[in-house]
Amino acid sequence: MQVALVLGNAISTVKHRSLENVKLLVCQPLGADGKSRDGSPVIVADYMGAGAGETVIITSDGAAVRELYGLQNSPLRWTVLGLVDDMPDASGSAQTKGIER
């Protein structure tokens, strides 16, 4: 699992049938501080309703996600597991994030 920032939506004209009607997001994985970039952006399946600018928890455990959502023979690799409401700063106090849609 990793914290990531949603950069925006991805549009696909051709998808595997298990991903039809699934929103795809472009997410930037973040470092342990919750701010610095950690690698290249990834395409993530979104079953949670996340939007651009939100901080999310993503996972690359494809087998677990296929089991969780009942998908068989899906190429699904990354998915949103949850939306982050707040992140602790270096002092340990929570910094509440506003959600705008």
PDB file of N, CA and C in Angstrom:
ATOM      1  N   MET A   1       0.849  -1.177   0.000  1.00  0.00           N
ATOM      2  CA  MET A   1       0.000   0.000   0.000  1.00  0.00           C
ATOM      3  C   MET A   1       0.890   1.233   0.000  1.00  0.00           C
ATOM      4  N   GLN A   2       0.391   2.272  -0.631  1.00  0.00           N
ATOM      5  CA  GLN A   2       1.143   3.510  -0.731  1.00  0.00           C
ATOM      6  C   GLN A   2       0.183   4.687  -0.841  1.00  0.00           C
ATOM      7  N   VAL A   3       0.597   5.818  -0.287  1.00  0.00           N
ATOM      8  CA  VAL A   3      -0.188   7.041  -0.404  1.00  0.00           C
ATOM      9  C   VAL A   3       0.140   7.668  -1.752  1.00  0.00           C
ATOM     10  N   ALA A   4      -0.877   8.219  -2.422  1.00  0.00           N
ATOM     11  CA  ALA A   4      -0.674   8.833  -3.733  1.00  0.00           C
ATOM     12  C   ALA A   4      -1.598  10.029  -3.894  1.00  0.00           C
ATOM     13  N   LEU A   5      -1.203  10.931  -4.771  1.00  0.00           N
ATOM     14  CA  LEU A   5      -1.998  12.096  -5.116  1.00  0.00           C
ATOM     15  C   LEU A   5      -2.663  11.851  -6.463  1.00  0.00           C
ATOM     16  N   VAL A   6      -3.969  12.070  -6.553  1.00  0.00           N
ATOM     17  CA  VAL A   6      -4.688  11.899  -7.818  1.00  0.00           C
ATOM     18  C   VAL A   6      -4.412  13.116  -8.685  1.00  0.00           C
ATOM     19  N   LEU A   7      -3.785  12.880  -9.849  1.00  0.00           N
ATOM     20  CA  LEU A   7      -3.470  13.955 -10.787  1.00  0.00           C
ATOM     21  C   LEU A   7      -4.636  14.240 -11.728  1.00  0.00           C
ATOM     22  N   GLY A   8      -5.405  13.222 -12.058  1.00  0.00           N
ATOM     23  CA  GLY A   8      -6.537  13.401 -12.968  1.00  0.00           C
ATOM     24  C   GLY A   8      -7.043  12.062 -13.463  1.00  0.00           C
ATOM     25  N   ASN A   9      -7.931  12.118 -14.444  1.00  0.00           N
ATOM     26  CA  ASN A   9      -8.510  10.906 -15.027  1.00  0.00           C
ATOM     27  C   ASN A   9      -7.691  10.426 -16.213  1.00  0.00           C
ATOM     28  N   ALA A  10      -7.754   9.124 -16.461  1.00  0.00           N
ATOM     29  CA  ALA A  10      -7.170   8.532 -17.659  1.00  0.00           C
ATOM     30  C   ALA A  10      -8.323   8.066 -18.536  1.00  0.00           C
ATOM     31  N   ILE A  11      -8.178   8.247 -19.831  1.00  0.00           N
ATOM     32  CA  ILE A  11      -9.217   7.841 -20.773  1.00  0.00           C
ATOM     33  C   ILE A  11      -8.662   6.723 -21.642  1.00  0.00           C
ATOM     34  N   SER A  12      -9.430   5.662 -21.763  1.00  0.00           N
ATOM     35  CA  SER A  12      -9.015   4.507 -22.545  1.00  0.00           C
ATOM     36  C   SER A  12     -10.122   4.141 -23.527  1.00  0.00           C
ATOM     37  N   THR A  13      -9.776   4.064 -24.797  1.00  0.00           N
ATOM     38  CA  THR A  13     -10.776   3.682 -25.795  1.00  0.00           C
ATOM     39  C   THR A  13     -10.921   2.167 -25.884  1.00  0.00           C
ATOM     40  N   VAL A  14      -9.886   1.449 -25.444  1.00  0.00           N
ATOM     41  CA  VAL A  14      -9.933  -0.011 -25.437  1.00  0.00           C
ATOM     42  C   VAL A  14      -9.491  -0.484 -24.057  1.00  0.00           C
ATOM     43  N   LYS A  15     -10.359  -1.300 -23.423  1.00  0.00           N
ATOM     44  CA  LYS A  15     -10.052  -1.837 -22.096  1.00  0.00           C
ATOM     45  C   LYS A  15     -10.351  -3.328 -22.082  1.00  0.00           C
ATOM     46  N   HIS A  16      -9.712  -4.002 -21.151  1.00  0.00           N
ATOM     47  CA  HIS A  16     -10.074  -5.387 -20.877  1.00  0.00           C
ATOM     48  C   HIS A  16     -11.525  -5.385 -20.388  1.00  0.00           C
ATOM     49  N   ARG A  17     -12.302  -6.376 -20.736  1.00  0.00           N
ATOM     50  CA  ARG A  17     -13.733  -6.360 -20.395  1.00  0.00           C
ATOM     51  C   ARG A  17     -13.988  -6.301 -18.886  1.00  0.00           C
ATOM     52  N   SER A  18     -13.047  -6.760 -18.069  1.00  0.00           N
ATOM     53  CA  SER A  18     -13.230  -6.685 -16.612  1.00  0.00           C
ATOM     54  C   SER A  18     -13.106  -5.255 -16.091  1.00  0.00           C
ATOM     55  N   LEU A  19     -12.595  -4.342 -16.913  1.00  0.00           N
ATOM     56  CA  LEU A  19     -12.427  -2.951 -16.502  1.00  0.00           C
ATOM     57  C   LEU A  19     -13.417  -2.006 -17.174  1.00  0.00           C
ATOM     58  N   GLU A  20     -14.375  -2.556 -17.927  1.00  0.00           N
ATOM     59  CA  GLU A  20     -15.393  -1.707 -18.529  1.00  0.00           C
ATOM     60  C   GLU A  20     -16.199  -1.036 -17.424  1.00  0.00           C
ATOM     61  N   ASN A  21     -16.521   0.226 -17.609  1.00  0.00           N
ATOM     62  CA  ASN A  21     -17.269   1.032 -16.636  1.00  0.00           C
ATOM     63  C   ASN A  21     -16.517   1.260 -15.323  1.00  0.00           C
ATOM     64  N   VAL A  22     -15.208   1.095 -15.329  1.00  0.00           N
ATOM     65  CA  VAL A  22     -14.377   1.385 -14.163  1.00  0.00           C
ATOM     66  C   VAL A  22     -13.601   2.660 -14.456  1.00  0.00           C
ATOM     67  N   LYS A  23     -13.683   3.622 -13.541  1.00  0.00           N
ATOM     68  CA  LYS A  23     -12.954   4.877 -13.720  1.00  0.00           C
ATOM     69  C   LYS A  23     -11.466   4.622 -13.510  1.00  0.00           C
ATOM     70  N   LEU A  24     -10.645   5.180 -14.400  1.00  0.00           N
ATOM     71  CA  LEU A  24      -9.196   5.073 -14.287  1.00  0.00           C
ATOM     72  C   LEU A  24      -8.621   6.429 -13.915  1.00  0.00           C
ATOM     73  N   LEU A  25      -7.677   6.430 -12.983  1.00  0.00           N
ATOM     74  CA  LEU A  25      -7.041   7.656 -12.520  1.00  0.00           C
ATOM     75  C   LEU A  25      -5.546   7.619 -12.796  1.00  0.00           C
ATOM     76  N   VAL A  26      -4.947   8.793 -12.951  1.00  0.00           N
ATOM     77  CA  VAL A  26      -3.498   8.925 -12.979  1.00  0.00           C
ATOM     78  C   VAL A  26      -3.107   9.383 -11.580  1.00  0.00           C
ATOM     79  N   CYS A  27      -2.298   8.589 -10.898  1.00  0.00           N
ATOM     80  CA  CYS A  27      -1.909   8.879  -9.511  1.00  0.00           C
ATOM     81  C   CYS A  27      -0.397   8.969  -9.387  1.00  0.00           C
ATOM     82  N   GLN A  28       0.054   9.950  -8.609  1.00  0.00           N
ATOM     83  CA  GLN A  28       1.469  10.119  -8.315  1.00  0.00           C
ATOM     84  C   GLN A  28       1.746   9.549  -6.926  1.00  0.00           C
ATOM     85  N   PRO A  29       2.490   8.417  -6.846  1.00  0.00           N
ATOM     86  CA  PRO A  29       2.846   7.896  -5.523  1.00  0.00           C
ATOM     87  C   PRO A  29       3.670   8.924  -4.748  1.00  0.00           C
ATOM     88  N   LEU A  30       3.441   8.980  -3.443  1.00  0.00           N
ATOM     89  CA  LEU A  30       4.123   9.943  -2.582  1.00  0.00           C
ATOM     90  C   LEU A  30       5.024   9.221  -1.588  1.00  0.00           C
ATOM     91  N   GLY A  31       6.073   9.920  -1.156  1.00  0.00           N
ATOM     92  CA  GLY A  31       7.004   9.381  -0.175  1.00  0.00           C
ATOM     93  C   GLY A  31       6.392   9.326   1.205  1.00  0.00           C
ATOM     94  N   ALA A  32       7.195   8.894   2.177  1.00  0.00           N
ATOM     95  CA  ALA A  32       6.732   8.736   3.556  1.00  0.00           C
ATOM     96  C   ALA A  32       6.274  10.049   4.171  1.00  0.00           C
ATOM     97  N   ASP A  33       6.793  11.184   3.669  1.00  0.00           N
ATOM     98  CA  ASP A  33       6.380  12.481   4.207  1.00  0.00           C
ATOM     99  C   ASP A  33       5.018  12.920   3.678  1.00  0.00           C
ATOM    100  N   GLY A  34       4.468  12.184   2.707  1.00  0.00           N
ATOM    101  CA  GLY A  34       3.160  12.507   2.143  1.00  0.00           C
ATOM    102  C   GLY A  34       3.184  13.676   1.179  1.00  0.00           C
ATOM    103  N   LYS A  35       4.378  14.157   0.810  1.00  0.00           N
ATOM    104  CA  LYS A  35       4.488  15.309  -0.081  1.00  0.00           C
ATOM    105  C   LYS A  35       5.413  15.067  -1.270  1.00  0.00           C
ATOM    106  N   SER A  36       6.560  14.442  -1.032  1.00  0.00           N
ATOM    107  CA  SER A  36       7.532  14.265  -2.115  1.00  0.00           C
ATOM    108  C   SER A  36       7.118  13.122  -3.036  1.00  0.00           C
ATOM    109  N   ARG A  37       7.456  13.267  -4.315  1.00  0.00           N
ATOM    110  CA  ARG A  37       7.131  12.229  -5.293  1.00  0.00           C
ATOM    111  C   ARG A  37       7.973  10.990  -5.055  1.00  0.00           C
ATOM    112  N   ASP A  38       7.385   9.836  -5.303  1.00  0.00           N
ATOM    113  CA  ASP A  38       8.074   8.566  -5.125  1.00  0.00           C
ATOM    114  C   ASP A  38       7.863   7.719  -6.370  1.00  0.00           C
ATOM    115  N   GLY A  39       8.632   7.993  -7.405  1.00  0.00           N
ATOM    116  CA  GLY A  39       8.525   7.241  -8.648  1.00  0.00           C
ATOM    117  C   GLY A  39       7.646   7.926  -9.671  1.00  0.00           C
ATOM    118  N   SER A  40       7.357   7.203 -10.725  1.00  0.00           N
ATOM    119  CA  SER A  40       6.550   7.711 -11.828  1.00  0.00           C
ATOM    120  C   SER A  40       5.065   7.563 -11.527  1.00  0.00           C
ATOM    121  N   PRO A  41       4.233   8.391 -12.150  1.00  0.00           N
ATOM    122  CA  PRO A  41       2.776   8.233 -12.004  1.00  0.00           C
ATOM    123  C   PRO A  41       2.315   6.872 -12.523  1.00  0.00           C
ATOM    124  N   VAL A  42       1.219   6.374 -11.974  1.00  0.00           N
ATOM    125  CA  VAL A  42       0.663   5.081 -12.371  1.00  0.00           C
ATOM    126  C   VAL A  42      -0.819   5.242 -12.695  1.00  0.00           C
ATOM    127  N   ILE A  43      -1.336   4.318 -13.507  1.00  0.00           N
ATOM    128  CA  ILE A  43      -2.770   4.266 -13.815  1.00  0.00           C
ATOM    129  C   ILE A  43      -3.418   3.354 -12.777  1.00  0.00           C
ATOM    130  N   VAL A  44      -4.495   3.843 -12.155  1.00  0.00           N
ATOM    131  CA  VAL A  44      -5.121   3.160 -11.026  1.00  0.00           C
ATOM    132  C   VAL A  44      -6.618   3.017 -11.280  1.00  0.00           C
ATOM    133  N   ALA A  45      -7.161   1.830 -11.041  1.00  0.00           N
ATOM    134  CA  ALA A  45      -8.613   1.621 -11.112  1.00  0.00           C
ATOM    135  C   ALA A  45      -9.236   2.209  -9.857  1.00  0.00           C
ATOM    136  N   ASP A  46     -10.350   2.925 -10.032  1.00  0.00           N
ATOM    137  CA  ASP A  46     -10.979   3.612  -8.905  1.00  0.00           C
ATOM    138  C   ASP A  46     -12.387   3.095  -8.672  1.00  0.00           C
ATOM    139  N   TYR A  47     -12.578   2.373  -7.570  1.00  0.00           N
ATOM    140  CA  TYR A  47     -13.894   1.891  -7.155  1.00  0.00           C
ATOM    141  C   TYR A  47     -14.435   2.733  -6.007  1.00  0.00           C
ATOM    142  N   MET A  48     -13.655   3.740  -5.545  1.00  0.00           N
ATOM    143  CA  MET A  48     -13.993   4.513  -4.353  1.00  0.00           C
ATOM    144  C   MET A  48     -14.565   5.896  -4.658  1.00  0.00           C
ATOM    145  N   GLY A  49     -14.442   6.377  -5.874  1.00  0.00           N
ATOM    146  CA  GLY A  49     -14.968   7.692  -6.218  1.00  0.00           C
ATOM    147  C   GLY A  49     -14.015   8.839  -5.945  1.00  0.00           C
ATOM    148  N   ALA A  50     -12.723   8.612  -6.062  1.00  0.00           N
ATOM    149  CA  ALA A  50     -11.729   9.668  -5.827  1.00  0.00           C
ATOM    150  C   ALA A  50     -11.729  10.667  -6.979  1.00  0.00           C
ATOM    151  N   GLY A  51     -11.242  11.866  -6.694  1.00  0.00           N
ATOM    152  CA  GLY A  51     -11.171  12.906  -7.709  1.00  0.00           C
ATOM    153  C   GLY A  51      -9.817  13.577  -7.723  1.00  0.00           C
ATOM    154  N   ALA A  52      -9.572  14.368  -8.752  1.00  0.00           N
ATOM    155  CA  ALA A  52      -8.305  15.077  -8.909  1.00  0.00           C
ATOM    156  C   ALA A  52      -8.020  15.933  -7.684  1.00  0.00           C
ATOM    157  N   GLY A  53      -6.769  15.887  -7.226  1.00  0.00           N
ATOM    158  CA  GLY A  53      -6.344  16.669  -6.081  1.00  0.00           C
ATOM    159  C   GLY A  53      -6.491  15.958  -4.749  1.00  0.00           C
ATOM    160  N   GLU A  54      -7.181  14.832  -4.724  1.00  0.00           N
ATOM    161  CA  GLU A  54      -7.359  14.096  -3.474  1.00  0.00           C
ATOM    162  C   GLU A  54      -6.160  13.186  -3.216  1.00  0.00           C
ATOM    163  N   THR A  55      -5.934  12.894  -1.955  1.00  0.00           N
ATOM    164  CA  THR A  55      -4.903  11.949  -1.553  1.00  0.00           C
ATOM    165  C   THR A  55      -5.587  10.617  -1.281  1.00  0.00           C
ATOM    166  N   VAL A  56      -5.018   9.549  -1.839  1.00  0.00           N
ATOM    167  CA  VAL A  56      -5.623   8.222  -1.743  1.00  0.00           C
ATOM    168  C   VAL A  56      -4.587   7.200  -1.291  1.00  0.00           C
ATOM    169  N   ILE A  57      -5.073   6.050  -0.880  1.00  0.00           N
ATOM    170  CA  ILE A  57      -4.213   4.904  -0.600  1.00  0.00           C
ATOM    171  C   ILE A  57      -4.391   3.941  -1.762  1.00  0.00           C
ATOM    172  N   ILE A  58      -3.277   3.561  -2.387  1.00  0.00           N
ATOM    173  CA  ILE A  58      -3.338   2.649  -3.526  1.00  0.00           C
ATOM    174  C   ILE A  58      -2.567   1.377  -3.198  1.00  0.00           C
ATOM    175  N   THR A  59      -2.873   0.321  -3.926  1.00  0.00           N
ATOM    176  CA  THR A  59      -2.160  -0.941  -3.751  1.00  0.00           C
ATOM    177  C   THR A  59      -1.863  -1.550  -5.116  1.00  0.00           C
ATOM    178  N   SER A  60      -0.765  -2.295  -5.169  1.00  0.00           N
ATOM    179  CA  SER A  60      -0.408  -3.006  -6.399  1.00  0.00           C
ATOM    180  C   SER A  60      -0.598  -4.513  -6.238  1.00  0.00           C
ATOM    181  N   ASP A  61      -1.282  -4.927  -5.187  1.00  0.00           N
ATOM    182  CA  ASP A  61      -1.540  -6.342  -4.957  1.00  0.00           C
ATOM    183  C   ASP A  61      -2.727  -6.776  -5.807  1.00  0.00           C
ATOM    184  N   GLY A  62      -2.456  -7.101  -7.054  1.00  0.00           N
ATOM    185  CA  GLY A  62      -3.509  -7.434  -8.006  1.00  0.00           C
ATOM    186  C   GLY A  62      -4.353  -8.621  -7.589  1.00  0.00           C
ATOM    187  N   ALA A  63      -3.736  -9.648  -7.010  1.00  0.00           N
ATOM    188  CA  ALA A  63      -4.493 -10.836  -6.604  1.00  0.00           C
ATOM    189  C   ALA A  63      -5.505 -10.494  -5.517  1.00  0.00           C
ATOM    190  N   ALA A  64      -5.099  -9.715  -4.544  1.00  0.00           N
ATOM    191  CA  ALA A  64      -6.012  -9.327  -3.466  1.00  0.00           C
ATOM    192  C   ALA A  64      -7.161  -8.475  -3.989  1.00  0.00           C
ATOM    193  N   VAL A  65      -6.863  -7.573  -4.907  1.00  0.00           N
ATOM    194  CA  VAL A  65      -7.899  -6.702  -5.464  1.00  0.00           C
ATOM    195  C   VAL A  65      -8.885  -7.505  -6.298  1.00  0.00           C
ATOM    196  N   ARG A  66      -8.381  -8.453  -7.082  1.00  0.00           N
ATOM    197  CA  ARG A  66      -9.280  -9.296  -7.875  1.00  0.00           C
ATOM    198  C   ARG A  66     -10.216 -10.081  -6.955  1.00  0.00           C
ATOM    199  N   GLU A  67      -9.691 -10.569  -5.839  1.00  0.00           N
ATOM    200  CA  GLU A  67     -10.522 -11.293  -4.876  1.00  0.00           C
ATOM    201  C   GLU A  67     -11.518 -10.355  -4.188  1.00  0.00           C
ATOM    202  N   LEU A  68     -11.069  -9.181  -3.790  1.00  0.00           N
ATOM    203  CA  LEU A  68     -11.914  -8.206  -3.101  1.00  0.00           C
ATOM    204  C   LEU A  68     -13.111  -7.796  -3.954  1.00  0.00           C
ATOM    205  N   TYR A  69     -12.876  -7.550  -5.252  1.00  0.00           N
ATOM    206  CA  TYR A  69     -13.942  -7.074  -6.134  1.00  0.00           C
ATOM    207  C   TYR A  69     -14.566  -8.181  -6.978  1.00  0.00           C
ATOM    208  N   GLY A  70     -14.165  -9.421  -6.749  1.00  0.00           N
ATOM    209  CA  GLY A  70     -14.770 -10.551  -7.451  1.00  0.00           C
ATOM    210  C   GLY A  70     -14.447 -10.591  -8.934  1.00  0.00           C
ATOM    211  N   LEU A  71     -13.273 -10.137  -9.307  1.00  0.00           N
ATOM    212  CA  LEU A  71     -12.873 -10.134 -10.715  1.00  0.00           C
ATOM    213  C   LEU A  71     -12.064 -11.390 -11.016  1.00  0.00           C
ATOM    214  N   GLN A  72     -12.388 -12.032 -12.117  1.00  0.00           N
ATOM    215  CA  GLN A  72     -11.643 -13.212 -12.542  1.00  0.00           C
ATOM    216  C   GLN A  72     -10.868 -12.877 -13.808  1.00  0.00           C
ATOM    217  N   ASN A  73      -9.643 -13.332 -13.890  1.00  0.00           N
ATOM    218  CA  ASN A  73      -8.814 -13.146 -15.083  1.00  0.00           C
ATOM    219  C   ASN A  73      -8.715 -11.678 -15.504  1.00  0.00           C
ATOM    220  N   SER A  74      -8.505 -10.805 -14.550  1.00  0.00           N
ATOM    221  CA  SER A  74      -8.377  -9.385 -14.842  1.00  0.00           C
ATOM    222  C   SER A  74      -6.910  -8.972 -14.804  1.00  0.00           C
ATOM    223  N   PRO A  75      -6.500  -8.077 -15.698  1.00  0.00           N
ATOM    224  CA  PRO A  75      -5.124  -7.586 -15.680  1.00  0.00           C
ATOM    225  C   PRO A  75      -4.926  -6.461 -14.659  1.00  0.00           C
ATOM    226  N   LEU A  76      -5.905  -6.245 -13.808  1.00  0.00           N
ATOM    227  CA  LEU A  76      -5.861  -5.161 -12.833  1.00  0.00           C
ATOM    228  C   LEU A  76      -4.618  -5.263 -11.965  1.00  0.00           C
ATOM    229  N   ARG A  77      -3.860  -4.173 -11.905  1.00  0.00           N
ATOM    230  CA  ARG A  77      -2.641  -4.151 -11.100  1.00  0.00           C
ATOM    231  C   ARG A  77      -2.756  -3.164  -9.932  1.00  0.00           C
ATOM    232  N   TRP A  78      -3.119  -1.917 -10.204  1.00  0.00           N
ATOM    233  CA  TRP A  78      -3.216  -0.878  -9.179  1.00  0.00           C
ATOM    234  C   TRP A  78      -4.678  -0.501  -8.962  1.00  0.00           C
ATOM    235  N   THR A  79      -5.049  -0.258  -7.714  1.00  0.00           N
ATOM    236  CA  THR A  79      -6.395   0.207  -7.410  1.00  0.00           C
ATOM    237  C   THR A  79      -6.385   1.092  -6.165  1.00  0.00           C
ATOM    238  N   VAL A  80      -7.411   1.934  -6.053  1.00  0.00           N
ATOM    239  CA  VAL A  80      -7.590   2.777  -4.874  1.00  0.00           C
ATOM    240  C   VAL A  80      -8.235   1.925  -3.783  1.00  0.00           C
ATOM    241  N   LEU A  81      -7.600   1.904  -2.607  1.00  0.00           N
ATOM    242  CA  LEU A  81      -8.165   1.185  -1.458  1.00  0.00           C
ATOM    243  C   LEU A  81      -8.936   2.103  -0.533  1.00  0.00           C
ATOM    244  N   GLY A  82      -8.571   3.381  -0.518  1.00  0.00           N
ATOM    245  CA  GLY A  82      -9.248   4.300   0.384  1.00  0.00           C
ATOM    246  C   GLY A  82      -8.864   5.738   0.119  1.00  0.00           C
ATOM    247  N   LEU A  83      -9.674   6.646   0.657  1.00  0.00           N
ATOM    248  CA  LEU A  83      -9.429   8.081   0.554  1.00  0.00           C
ATOM    249  C   LEU A  83      -8.817   8.555   1.869  1.00  0.00           C
ATOM    250  N   VAL A  84      -7.807   9.420   1.779  1.00  0.00           N
ATOM    251  CA  VAL A  84      -7.134   9.922   2.972  1.00  0.00           C
ATOM    252  C   VAL A  84      -7.806  11.210   3.426  1.00  0.00           C
ATOM    253  N   ASP A  85      -8.282  11.236   4.662  1.00  0.00           N
ATOM    254  CA  ASP A  85      -8.900  12.430   5.230  1.00  0.00           C
ATOM    255  C   ASP A  85      -7.862  13.375   5.806  1.00  0.00           C
ATOM    256  N   ASP A  86      -6.864  12.815   6.491  1.00  0.00           N
ATOM    257  CA  ASP A  86      -5.799  13.651   7.035  1.00  0.00           C
ATOM    258  C   ASP A  86      -4.506  12.854   7.102  1.00  0.00           C
ATOM    259  N   MET A  87      -3.392  13.578   7.115  1.00  0.00           N
ATOM    260  CA  MET A  87      -2.060  12.977   7.169  1.00  0.00           C
ATOM    261  C   MET A  87      -1.311  13.609   8.329  1.00  0.00           C
ATOM    262  N   PRO A  88      -0.631  12.815   9.152  1.00  0.00           N
ATOM    263  CA  PRO A  88       0.165  13.416  10.215  1.00  0.00           C
ATOM    264  C   PRO A  88       1.389  14.121   9.632  1.00  0.00           C
ATOM    265  N   ASP A  89       1.749  15.269  10.205  1.00  0.00           N
ATOM    266  CA  ASP A  89       2.959  15.955   9.769  1.00  0.00           C
ATOM    267  C   ASP A  89       4.141  15.410  10.563  1.00  0.00           C
ATOM    268  N   ALA A  90       5.316  16.010  10.415  1.00  0.00           N
ATOM    269  CA  ALA A  90       6.525  15.519  11.065  1.00  0.00           C
ATOM    270  C   ALA A  90       6.393  15.471  12.584  1.00  0.00           C
ATOM    271  N   SER A  91       5.591  16.363  13.175  1.00  0.00           N
ATOM    272  CA  SER A  91       5.430  16.391  14.630  1.00  0.00           C
ATOM    273  C   SER A  91       4.429  15.353  15.130  1.00  0.00           C
ATOM    274  N   GLY A  92       3.715  14.711  14.194  1.00  0.00           N
ATOM    275  CA  GLY A  92       2.734  13.700  14.572  1.00  0.00           C
ATOM    276  C   GLY A  92       1.319  14.214  14.657  1.00  0.00           C
ATOM    277  N   SER A  93       1.125  15.541  14.524  1.00  0.00           N
ATOM    278  CA  SER A  93      -0.236  16.075  14.562  1.00  0.00           C
ATOM    279  C   SER A  93      -0.859  15.971  13.175  1.00  0.00           C
ATOM    280  N   ALA A  94      -2.152  15.758  13.142  1.00  0.00           N
ATOM    281  CA  ALA A  94      -2.863  15.551  11.874  1.00  0.00           C
ATOM    282  C   ALA A  94      -3.093  16.860  11.152  1.00  0.00           C
ATOM    283  N   GLN A  95      -2.878  16.833   9.858  1.00  0.00           N
ATOM    284  CA  GLN A  95      -3.189  17.963   8.994  1.00  0.00           C
ATOM    285  C   GLN A  95      -4.415  17.576   8.178  1.00  0.00           C
ATOM    286  N   THR A  96      -5.552  18.136   8.490  1.00  0.00           N
ATOM    287  CA  THR A  96      -6.796  17.794   7.810  1.00  0.00           C
ATOM    288  C   THR A  96      -6.777  18.317   6.390  1.00  0.00           C
ATOM    289  N   LYS A  97      -7.190  17.454   5.458  1.00  0.00           N
ATOM    290  CA  LYS A  97      -7.247  17.838   4.052  1.00  0.00           C
ATOM    291  C   LYS A  97      -8.688  18.091   3.681  1.00  0.00           C
ATOM    292  N   GLY A  98      -8.952  19.213   3.036  1.00  0.00           N
ATOM    293  CA  GLY A  98     -10.303  19.496   2.554  1.00  0.00           C
ATOM    294  C   GLY A  98     -10.530  18.767   1.246  1.00  0.00           C
ATOM    295  N   ILE A  99     -11.729  18.305   1.042  1.00  0.00           N
ATOM    296  CA  ILE A  99     -12.072  17.609  -0.185  1.00  0.00           C
ATOM    297  C   ILE A  99     -13.027  18.480  -0.981  1.00  0.00           C
ATOM    298  N   GLU A 100     -12.616  18.786  -2.200  1.00  0.00           N
ATOM    299  CA  GLU A 100     -13.464  19.580  -3.090  1.00  0.00           C
ATOM    300  C   GLU A 100     -13.811  18.737  -4.296  1.00  0.00           C
ATOM    301  N   ARG A 101     -15.039  18.754  -4.677  1.00  0.00           N
ATOM    302  CA  ARG A 101     -15.466  17.999  -5.868  1.00  0.00           C
ATOM    303  C   ARG A 101     -16.191  18.903  -6.785  1.00  0.00           C
TER     304      ARG A 101
END
